[in-house]
């Protein structure tokens, strides 16, 4: 009688350990997927090119649409880097899978000096090879502990 009780206890412990290990593996998978999504988002944001001019000649593109925002006048509102980041965020929110560049960026201050309006045009290049290559850049890479 003692023996079957001990076997059952050991089986219960084994089952609990197995379930715990499965949970840990699933948590690790979810963490890896989260890291991948963060990487893709960073690559996509870095990939978006912003210019006050036109896109490079000879690279066919399609216009996705206009982008604009208006904010109260401040030193940050007229900071070129801030404007580019804000335009990127707006464009990425509207066209996450297609945005490649933002062209014809322009800013203007209202007549009374209280607001700044920034306008631009979002485009997608007809070839998406660059974007696809960036998304898969870290796949298949293995870190070698020996430094090889």
Protein backbone atom coordinates (compact mmCIF):
# COMPACT_ATOMS: atom_id res chain seq x y z
CA UNK A 1 0.00 0.00 0.00
CA UNK A 2 2.81 2.37 0.88
CA UNK A 3 4.46 1.66 -2.38
CA UNK A 4 1.57 2.75 -4.63
CA UNK A 5 1.14 5.90 -2.57
CA UNK A 6 4.81 6.79 -3.09
CA UNK A 7 4.57 6.05 -6.81
CA UNK A 8 1.51 8.28 -7.10
CA UNK A 9 3.29 11.08 -5.24
CA UNK A 10 6.31 10.76 -7.52
CA UNK A 11 4.06 10.77 -10.59
CA UNK A 12 2.29 13.90 -9.29
CA UNK A 13 5.64 15.61 -8.69
CA UNK A 14 6.83 14.57 -12.17
CA UNK A 15 3.64 15.91 -13.73
CA UNK A 16 3.95 19.20 -11.83
CA UNK A 17 7.58 19.59 -12.95
CA UNK A 18 6.62 18.84 -16.55
CA UNK A 19 3.83 21.43 -16.48
CA UNK A 20 6.18 23.98 -14.92
CA UNK A 21 8.78 23.32 -17.61
CA UNK A 22 6.14 23.68 -20.35
CA UNK A 23 5.06 26.99 -18.85
CA UNK A 24 8.66 28.19 -18.73
CA UNK A 25 9.22 27.17 -22.35
CA UNK A 26 6.04 28.96 -23.44
CA UNK A 27 7.08 32.09 -21.50
CA UNK A 28 10.48 31.96 -23.22
CA UNK A 29 8.79 31.64 -26.65
CA UNK A 30 6.59 34.63 -25.89
CA UNK A 31 9.62 36.65 -24.77
CA UNK A 32 11.46 35.76 -27.99
CA UNK A 33 8.44 36.76 -30.09
CA UNK A 34 8.21 40.04 -28.18
CA UNK A 35 11.91 40.71 -28.86
CA UNK A 36 11.38 39.97 -32.54
CA UNK A 37 8.44 42.39 -32.73
CA UNK A 38 10.46 45.12 -30.98
CA UNK A 39 13.33 44.51 -33.42
CA UNK A 40 11.01 44.72 -36.44
CA UNK A 41 9.44 47.94 -35.12
CA UNK A 42 12.90 49.51 -34.56
CA UNK A 43 14.07 48.47 -38.02
CA UNK A 44 10.88 49.79 -39.61
CA UNK A 45 11.19 53.14 -37.83
CA UNK A 46 14.89 53.45 -38.71
CA UNK A 47 14.11 52.44 -42.30
CA UNK A 48 11.72 55.39 -42.86
CA UNK A 49 13.65 58.11 -44.66
CA UNK A 50 12.51 61.72 -44.17
CA UNK A 51 13.43 64.59 -46.49
CA UNK A 52 12.30 68.10 -47.34
CA UNK A 53 12.90 67.27 -51.00
CA UNK A 54 11.81 64.62 -53.46
CA UNK A 55 12.76 60.93 -53.37
CA UNK A 56 15.90 59.79 -55.18
CA UNK A 57 15.51 59.87 -58.97
CA UNK A 58 15.09 56.55 -60.72
CA UNK A 59 13.46 54.77 -57.77
CA UNK A 60 9.75 54.30 -58.62
CA UNK A 61 7.28 54.93 -55.80
CA UNK A 62 3.61 55.32 -54.96
CA UNK A 63 2.12 58.08 -52.83
CA UNK A 64 0.42 56.68 -49.72
CA UNK A 65 -1.04 59.99 -48.60
CA UNK A 66 -0.50 63.27 -46.79
CA UNK A 67 0.72 63.58 -43.21
CA UNK A 68 0.32 66.65 -41.04
CA UNK A 69 0.17 67.74 -37.45
CA UNK A 70 -0.13 71.02 -35.57
CA UNK A 71 1.35 71.67 -32.12
CA UNK A 72 1.77 74.69 -29.88
CA UNK A 73 4.92 76.67 -30.67
CA UNK A 74 7.92 75.62 -28.56
CA UNK A 75 11.63 74.94 -29.09
CA UNK A 76 10.80 71.21 -29.47
CA UNK A 77 8.09 71.99 -32.04
CA UNK A 78 10.68 73.50 -34.40
CA UNK A 79 13.43 70.94 -33.69
CA UNK A 80 14.16 69.08 -36.95
CA UNK A 81 14.81 65.73 -35.22
CA UNK A 82 11.56 66.00 -33.23
CA UNK A 83 9.60 66.80 -36.39
CA UNK A 84 11.06 63.80 -38.22
CA UNK A 85 10.29 61.42 -35.35
CA UNK A 86 6.72 62.68 -35.05
CA UNK A 87 6.16 62.33 -38.82
CA UNK A 88 7.61 58.79 -38.71
CA UNK A 89 5.28 57.80 -35.86
CA UNK A 90 2.21 59.19 -37.65
CA UNK A 91 3.14 57.52 -40.95
CA UNK A 92 4.00 54.19 -39.29
CA UNK A 93 0.66 54.18 -37.44
CA UNK A 94 -1.22 54.69 -40.75
CA UNK A 95 0.90 52.52 -43.07
CA UNK A 96 2.96 50.09 -40.91
CA UNK A 97 3.52 47.56 -43.69
CA UNK A 98 4.19 49.91 -46.59
CA UNK A 99 5.75 53.22 -45.48
CA UNK A 100 9.27 53.68 -46.86
CA UNK A 101 9.84 57.42 -46.91
CA UNK A 102 8.38 60.79 -46.04
CA UNK A 103 9.01 63.47 -48.63
CA UNK A 104 8.34 67.18 -49.05
CA UNK A 105 8.51 67.83 -45.30
CA UNK A 106 7.56 71.43 -44.58
CA UNK A 107 6.87 73.39 -41.42
CA UNK A 108 5.20 76.72 -40.90
CA UNK A 109 4.42 78.93 -37.92
CA UNK A 110 0.96 80.44 -37.61
CA UNK A 111 0.61 84.20 -38.18
CA UNK A 112 0.19 84.82 -34.45
CA UNK A 113 3.20 82.61 -33.64
CA UNK A 114 1.22 80.27 -31.40
CA UNK A 115 1.33 77.03 -33.41
CA UNK A 116 3.59 75.08 -35.74
CA UNK A 117 2.12 72.99 -38.56
CA UNK A 118 4.23 70.28 -40.17
CA UNK A 119 3.16 68.68 -43.45
CA UNK A 120 4.67 65.97 -45.65
CA UNK A 121 3.82 63.15 -48.02
CA UNK A 122 4.19 59.44 -47.24
CA UNK A 123 5.45 57.16 -50.00
CA UNK A 124 6.18 53.49 -50.62
CA UNK A 125 8.82 52.42 -53.08
CA UNK A 126 7.53 50.04 -55.73
CA UNK A 127 10.26 47.56 -54.75
CA UNK A 128 9.98 46.26 -51.18
CA UNK A 129 13.19 44.21 -51.30
CA UNK A 130 14.99 46.49 -48.83
CA UNK A 131 12.23 46.31 -46.21
CA UNK A 132 11.90 42.53 -46.50
CA UNK A 133 15.67 42.11 -46.18
CA UNK A 134 15.71 44.26 -43.04
CA UNK A 135 12.92 42.23 -41.43
CA UNK A 136 14.87 39.01 -41.89
CA UNK A 137 18.29 40.43 -41.08
CA UNK A 138 18.69 38.66 -37.72
CA UNK A 139 17.20 35.30 -38.73
CA UNK A 140 19.61 32.39 -38.74
CA UNK A 141 22.30 34.27 -36.87
CA UNK A 142 23.94 32.26 -34.12
CA UNK A 143 26.08 33.83 -31.42
CA UNK A 144 29.26 31.87 -31.06
CA UNK A 145 30.56 31.72 -27.48
CA UNK A 146 34.09 31.09 -28.76
CA UNK A 147 34.03 34.34 -30.74
CA UNK A 148 34.40 32.59 -34.12
